[in-house]
N, C-alpha and C. Protein backbone atom coordinates (compact mmCIF):
# COMPACT_ATOMS: atom_id res chain seq x y z
N UNK A 1 -22.20 30.15 -32.34
CA UNK A 1 -21.58 28.84 -32.40
C UNK A 1 -22.15 28.06 -33.58
N UNK A 2 -21.32 27.16 -34.10
CA UNK A 2 -21.76 26.39 -35.25
C UNK A 2 -22.52 25.16 -34.79
N UNK A 3 -23.36 24.69 -35.68
CA UNK A 3 -24.19 23.52 -35.36
C UNK A 3 -23.35 22.28 -35.07
N UNK A 4 -22.28 21.97 -35.87
CA UNK A 4 -21.47 20.79 -35.55
C UNK A 4 -20.81 20.88 -34.16
N UNK A 5 -20.38 22.09 -33.80
CA UNK A 5 -19.76 22.25 -32.49
C UNK A 5 -20.77 22.00 -31.38
N UNK A 6 -21.98 22.49 -31.53
CA UNK A 6 -23.01 22.28 -30.52
C UNK A 6 -23.37 20.80 -30.39
N UNK A 7 -23.42 20.09 -31.51
CA UNK A 7 -23.68 18.65 -31.46
C UNK A 7 -22.55 17.91 -30.74
N UNK A 8 -21.32 18.33 -31.04
CA UNK A 8 -20.16 17.73 -30.37
C UNK A 8 -20.23 17.98 -28.86
N UNK A 9 -20.50 19.20 -28.47
CA UNK A 9 -20.60 19.57 -27.07
C UNK A 9 -21.70 18.77 -26.36
N UNK A 10 -22.84 18.62 -27.03
CA UNK A 10 -23.94 17.84 -26.48
C UNK A 10 -23.53 16.38 -26.28
N UNK A 11 -22.84 15.81 -27.27
CA UNK A 11 -22.42 14.41 -27.20
C UNK A 11 -21.43 14.21 -26.04
N UNK A 12 -20.50 15.14 -25.87
CA UNK A 12 -19.53 15.03 -24.79
C UNK A 12 -20.23 15.12 -23.44
N UNK A 13 -21.14 16.06 -23.30
CA UNK A 13 -21.84 16.23 -22.03
C UNK A 13 -22.69 15.01 -21.68
N UNK A 14 -23.24 14.34 -22.68
CA UNK A 14 -24.08 13.17 -22.42
C UNK A 14 -23.27 11.92 -22.13
N UNK A 15 -22.08 11.79 -22.73
CA UNK A 15 -21.31 10.56 -22.54
C UNK A 15 -20.31 10.64 -21.41
N UNK A 16 -19.93 11.82 -20.98
CA UNK A 16 -18.93 11.96 -19.92
C UNK A 16 -19.32 11.24 -18.63
N UNK A 17 -20.55 11.39 -18.14
CA UNK A 17 -20.91 10.65 -16.92
C UNK A 17 -20.82 9.13 -17.09
N UNK A 18 -21.13 8.63 -18.27
CA UNK A 18 -21.02 7.19 -18.51
C UNK A 18 -19.57 6.74 -18.48
N UNK A 19 -18.68 7.52 -19.08
CA UNK A 19 -17.27 7.16 -19.12
C UNK A 19 -16.66 7.18 -17.72
N UNK A 20 -17.00 8.15 -16.92
CA UNK A 20 -16.42 8.20 -15.57
C UNK A 20 -16.93 7.05 -14.71
N UNK A 21 -18.15 6.62 -14.92
CA UNK A 21 -18.68 5.48 -14.15
C UNK A 21 -17.95 4.20 -14.51
N UNK A 22 -17.58 4.02 -15.77
CA UNK A 22 -16.88 2.82 -16.21
C UNK A 22 -15.41 2.88 -15.80
N UNK A 23 -14.77 4.03 -15.94
CA UNK A 23 -13.34 4.16 -15.67
C UNK A 23 -13.01 4.28 -14.19
N UNK A 24 -13.94 4.72 -13.41
CA UNK A 24 -13.69 4.95 -11.98
C UNK A 24 -14.78 4.29 -11.15
N UNK A 25 -14.74 2.93 -11.06
CA UNK A 25 -15.80 2.26 -10.30
C UNK A 25 -15.72 2.63 -8.81
N UNK A 26 -16.84 2.62 -8.13
CA UNK A 26 -16.84 2.99 -6.71
C UNK A 26 -16.15 1.92 -5.85
N UNK A 27 -15.65 2.36 -4.71
CA UNK A 27 -15.06 1.42 -3.75
C UNK A 27 -16.15 0.54 -3.16
N UNK A 28 -15.73 -0.62 -2.71
CA UNK A 28 -16.63 -1.53 -2.02
C UNK A 28 -16.32 -1.41 -0.52
N UNK A 29 -17.09 -0.60 0.22
CA UNK A 29 -16.77 -0.36 1.63
C UNK A 29 -16.73 -1.61 2.50
N UNK A 30 -17.45 -2.65 2.10
CA UNK A 30 -17.45 -3.88 2.90
C UNK A 30 -16.06 -4.50 2.98
N UNK A 31 -15.24 -4.31 1.94
CA UNK A 31 -13.90 -4.87 1.96
C UNK A 31 -13.06 -4.27 3.08
N UNK A 32 -13.23 -2.99 3.33
CA UNK A 32 -12.47 -2.32 4.38
C UNK A 32 -12.98 -2.68 5.76
N UNK A 33 -14.25 -3.00 5.86
CA UNK A 33 -14.86 -3.26 7.17
C UNK A 33 -14.87 -4.73 7.53
N UNK A 34 -14.43 -5.62 6.63
CA UNK A 34 -14.41 -7.04 6.96
C UNK A 34 -13.40 -7.29 8.08
N UNK A 35 -13.59 -8.38 8.79
CA UNK A 35 -12.70 -8.69 9.91
C UNK A 35 -11.25 -8.77 9.40
N UNK A 36 -10.38 -8.00 10.01
CA UNK A 36 -8.98 -7.98 9.60
C UNK A 36 -8.68 -6.99 8.50
N UNK A 37 -9.68 -6.32 7.96
CA UNK A 37 -9.44 -5.34 6.90
C UNK A 37 -8.80 -5.97 5.68
N UNK A 38 -8.06 -5.18 4.93
CA UNK A 38 -7.39 -5.68 3.72
C UNK A 38 -6.10 -6.42 4.05
N UNK A 39 -5.60 -6.26 5.27
CA UNK A 39 -4.35 -6.92 5.69
C UNK A 39 -4.66 -7.76 6.93
N UNK A 40 -5.29 -8.93 6.75
CA UNK A 40 -5.81 -9.68 7.89
C UNK A 40 -4.79 -10.46 8.71
N UNK A 41 -3.57 -10.68 8.15
CA UNK A 41 -2.63 -11.53 8.87
C UNK A 41 -1.18 -11.12 8.60
N UNK A 42 -0.26 -11.75 9.34
CA UNK A 42 1.16 -11.43 9.23
C UNK A 42 1.70 -11.69 7.83
N UNK A 43 1.27 -12.79 7.22
CA UNK A 43 1.79 -13.14 5.91
C UNK A 43 1.47 -12.06 4.88
N UNK A 44 0.26 -11.54 4.92
CA UNK A 44 -0.13 -10.48 3.98
C UNK A 44 0.66 -9.21 4.27
N UNK A 45 0.82 -8.88 5.54
CA UNK A 45 1.58 -7.68 5.91
C UNK A 45 3.02 -7.78 5.42
N UNK A 46 3.64 -8.94 5.56
CA UNK A 46 5.02 -9.13 5.11
C UNK A 46 5.10 -9.02 3.60
N UNK A 47 4.16 -9.61 2.88
CA UNK A 47 4.18 -9.51 1.41
C UNK A 47 4.08 -8.07 0.95
N UNK A 48 3.22 -7.30 1.59
CA UNK A 48 3.08 -5.89 1.24
C UNK A 48 4.37 -5.14 1.57
N UNK A 49 4.90 -5.38 2.75
CA UNK A 49 6.14 -4.70 3.16
C UNK A 49 7.28 -5.01 2.19
N UNK A 50 7.45 -6.27 1.85
CA UNK A 50 8.53 -6.64 0.95
C UNK A 50 8.34 -6.04 -0.44
N UNK A 51 7.10 -6.00 -0.91
CA UNK A 51 6.83 -5.42 -2.24
C UNK A 51 7.22 -3.95 -2.27
N UNK A 52 7.11 -3.28 -1.15
CA UNK A 52 7.46 -1.86 -1.07
C UNK A 52 8.96 -1.68 -0.82
N UNK A 53 9.52 -2.48 0.08
CA UNK A 53 10.91 -2.30 0.50
C UNK A 53 11.93 -2.82 -0.50
N UNK A 54 11.65 -3.90 -1.21
CA UNK A 54 12.63 -4.47 -2.16
C UNK A 54 13.10 -3.44 -3.18
N UNK A 55 12.21 -2.72 -3.86
CA UNK A 55 12.70 -1.75 -4.85
C UNK A 55 13.47 -0.58 -4.22
N UNK A 56 13.18 -0.27 -2.98
CA UNK A 56 13.82 0.88 -2.33
C UNK A 56 15.21 0.51 -1.82
N UNK A 57 15.31 -0.57 -1.05
CA UNK A 57 16.56 -0.92 -0.37
C UNK A 57 17.27 -2.13 -0.98
N UNK A 58 16.61 -2.83 -1.86
CA UNK A 58 17.19 -4.03 -2.47
C UNK A 58 16.70 -5.28 -1.77
N UNK A 59 16.35 -6.28 -2.56
CA UNK A 59 15.80 -7.52 -2.01
C UNK A 59 16.79 -8.21 -1.07
N UNK A 60 18.07 -8.26 -1.47
CA UNK A 60 19.08 -8.94 -0.65
C UNK A 60 19.19 -8.28 0.73
N UNK A 61 19.24 -6.95 0.75
CA UNK A 61 19.41 -6.23 2.02
C UNK A 61 18.23 -6.48 2.96
N UNK A 62 17.01 -6.49 2.41
CA UNK A 62 15.82 -6.70 3.24
C UNK A 62 15.75 -8.15 3.72
N UNK A 63 15.98 -9.10 2.83
CA UNK A 63 15.92 -10.52 3.22
C UNK A 63 16.96 -10.86 4.29
N UNK A 64 18.10 -10.17 4.27
CA UNK A 64 19.13 -10.42 5.28
C UNK A 64 18.69 -10.00 6.68
N UNK A 65 17.60 -9.24 6.76
CA UNK A 65 17.11 -8.77 8.05
C UNK A 65 16.03 -9.69 8.63
N UNK A 66 15.92 -10.89 8.08
CA UNK A 66 15.02 -11.89 8.64
C UNK A 66 15.67 -12.52 9.85
N UNK A 67 14.93 -12.98 10.81
CA UNK A 67 13.48 -12.96 10.91
C UNK A 67 12.98 -11.55 11.26
N UNK A 68 11.92 -11.16 10.58
CA UNK A 68 11.33 -9.85 10.84
C UNK A 68 10.64 -9.84 12.19
N UNK A 69 10.58 -8.69 12.79
CA UNK A 69 9.84 -8.50 14.03
C UNK A 69 8.49 -7.88 13.63
N UNK A 70 7.40 -8.62 13.86
CA UNK A 70 6.08 -8.22 13.37
C UNK A 70 5.12 -8.12 14.55
N UNK A 71 4.45 -6.96 14.64
CA UNK A 71 3.47 -6.75 15.72
C UNK A 71 2.22 -6.10 15.11
N UNK A 72 1.07 -6.45 15.66
CA UNK A 72 -0.18 -5.78 15.32
C UNK A 72 -0.61 -4.97 16.53
N UNK A 73 -0.63 -3.64 16.38
CA UNK A 73 -1.00 -2.76 17.50
C UNK A 73 -1.99 -1.71 17.01
N UNK A 74 -3.14 -1.68 17.64
CA UNK A 74 -4.17 -0.67 17.35
C UNK A 74 -4.46 -0.55 15.85
N UNK A 75 -4.61 -1.70 15.18
CA UNK A 75 -4.96 -1.71 13.77
C UNK A 75 -3.82 -1.37 12.82
N UNK A 76 -2.58 -1.43 13.32
CA UNK A 76 -1.41 -1.13 12.50
C UNK A 76 -0.42 -2.29 12.57
N UNK A 77 0.04 -2.75 11.41
CA UNK A 77 1.10 -3.75 11.36
C UNK A 77 2.42 -3.02 11.43
N UNK A 78 3.23 -3.34 12.43
CA UNK A 78 4.55 -2.73 12.62
C UNK A 78 5.57 -3.82 12.31
N UNK A 79 6.36 -3.59 11.28
CA UNK A 79 7.32 -4.60 10.84
C UNK A 79 8.71 -3.97 10.85
N UNK A 80 9.62 -4.61 11.57
CA UNK A 80 11.00 -4.14 11.66
C UNK A 80 11.92 -5.28 11.25
N UNK A 81 13.02 -4.90 10.61
CA UNK A 81 14.04 -5.89 10.31
C UNK A 81 14.80 -6.24 11.56
N UNK A 82 15.35 -7.45 11.58
CA UNK A 82 16.15 -7.88 12.72
C UNK A 82 17.38 -6.99 12.81
N UNK A 83 17.79 -6.61 14.01
CA UNK A 83 18.99 -5.79 14.15
C UNK A 83 20.22 -6.58 13.70
N UNK A 84 21.24 -5.87 13.20
CA UNK A 84 22.45 -6.59 12.79
C UNK A 84 23.15 -7.23 13.99
N UNK A 85 23.91 -8.26 13.76
CA UNK A 85 24.64 -8.91 14.86
C UNK A 85 25.60 -7.92 15.53
N UNK A 86 25.92 -8.13 16.79
CA UNK A 86 26.87 -7.24 17.48
C UNK A 86 28.19 -7.17 16.72
N UNK A 87 28.70 -5.95 16.62
CA UNK A 87 29.99 -5.76 15.93
C UNK A 87 29.85 -5.49 14.44
N UNK A 88 28.64 -5.62 13.88
CA UNK A 88 28.43 -5.36 12.47
C UNK A 88 27.80 -3.98 12.29
N UNK A 89 28.21 -3.30 11.25
CA UNK A 89 27.65 -1.97 10.94
C UNK A 89 26.32 -2.15 10.24
N UNK A 90 25.53 -1.09 10.26
CA UNK A 90 24.25 -1.12 9.55
C UNK A 90 23.08 -1.03 10.50
N UNK A 91 21.91 -0.98 9.94
CA UNK A 91 20.70 -0.86 10.74
C UNK A 91 19.63 -1.78 10.19
N UNK A 92 18.40 -1.44 10.48
CA UNK A 92 17.29 -2.27 10.01
C UNK A 92 16.14 -1.38 9.54
N UNK A 93 15.29 -1.96 8.70
CA UNK A 93 14.16 -1.22 8.17
C UNK A 93 13.03 -1.15 9.18
N UNK A 94 12.12 -0.23 8.93
CA UNK A 94 10.92 -0.06 9.76
C UNK A 94 9.80 0.37 8.82
N UNK A 95 8.66 -0.32 8.92
CA UNK A 95 7.50 0.05 8.10
C UNK A 95 6.24 -0.20 8.92
N UNK A 96 5.27 0.69 8.79
CA UNK A 96 3.99 0.56 9.47
C UNK A 96 2.90 0.59 8.41
N UNK A 97 2.05 -0.43 8.41
CA UNK A 97 0.98 -0.59 7.41
C UNK A 97 -0.35 -0.65 8.14
N UNK A 98 -1.30 0.15 7.69
CA UNK A 98 -2.62 0.17 8.29
C UNK A 98 -3.37 -1.11 7.90
N UNK A 99 -3.88 -1.81 8.89
CA UNK A 99 -4.56 -3.09 8.66
C UNK A 99 -5.83 -2.91 7.82
N UNK A 100 -6.56 -1.85 8.05
CA UNK A 100 -7.85 -1.64 7.40
C UNK A 100 -7.73 -1.53 5.88
N UNK A 101 -6.78 -0.70 5.40
CA UNK A 101 -6.75 -0.43 3.96
C UNK A 101 -5.36 -0.52 3.33
N UNK A 102 -4.38 -1.03 4.06
CA UNK A 102 -3.03 -1.29 3.55
C UNK A 102 -2.22 -0.02 3.27
N UNK A 103 -2.66 1.12 3.81
CA UNK A 103 -1.85 2.33 3.62
C UNK A 103 -0.56 2.23 4.41
N UNK A 104 0.51 2.74 3.82
CA UNK A 104 1.79 2.80 4.52
C UNK A 104 1.83 4.11 5.30
N UNK A 105 1.95 3.99 6.62
CA UNK A 105 1.96 5.16 7.48
C UNK A 105 3.37 5.64 7.80
N UNK A 106 4.31 4.72 7.87
CA UNK A 106 5.71 5.06 8.16
C UNK A 106 6.60 4.12 7.37
N UNK A 107 7.76 4.64 6.96
CA UNK A 107 8.75 3.82 6.28
C UNK A 107 10.12 4.44 6.50
N UNK A 108 11.11 3.60 6.78
CA UNK A 108 12.44 4.13 6.99
C UNK A 108 13.45 3.02 7.22
N UNK A 109 14.69 3.44 7.38
CA UNK A 109 15.80 2.51 7.63
C UNK A 109 16.81 3.26 8.47
N UNK A 110 17.15 2.72 9.63
CA UNK A 110 18.14 3.40 10.45
C UNK A 110 19.54 2.97 10.03
N UNK A 111 20.49 3.81 10.32
CA UNK A 111 21.87 3.57 9.84
C UNK A 111 22.63 2.67 10.76
C-alpha cells in the first residue's frame, strides 16, 4: 500500500467516530418516560393524527369527520372519525398512536 493511502485510511478511521457522534445524537430516554410520554394529551394526539392523515386521505375528507372520537386506552390514543350521517355513503378513518413515543400502530379507513 502507498503511504498517502495509509494516511487517508488512518484519518478516516480516526474521524469516523466523531462524525457519527455529531450526526446521530443519542436519544434522551427521560422524554419517553415523562408523565404522558411524547403524546400527553388529546390535542397533541389529534395534531399528530391530522399530520399523518391529511396527506393520505385529504384534509377536507378528514376534517369532515369531526368531531373525532378520541380515547386513551392502555397507553394508546385511539382516534376515529365520526361516522357519516344515516343514508350517506362512506366511512371513517381509524388511527392508533402510542402515547409513549408517538408511533403509529394502526391506520386505516373503512368504506
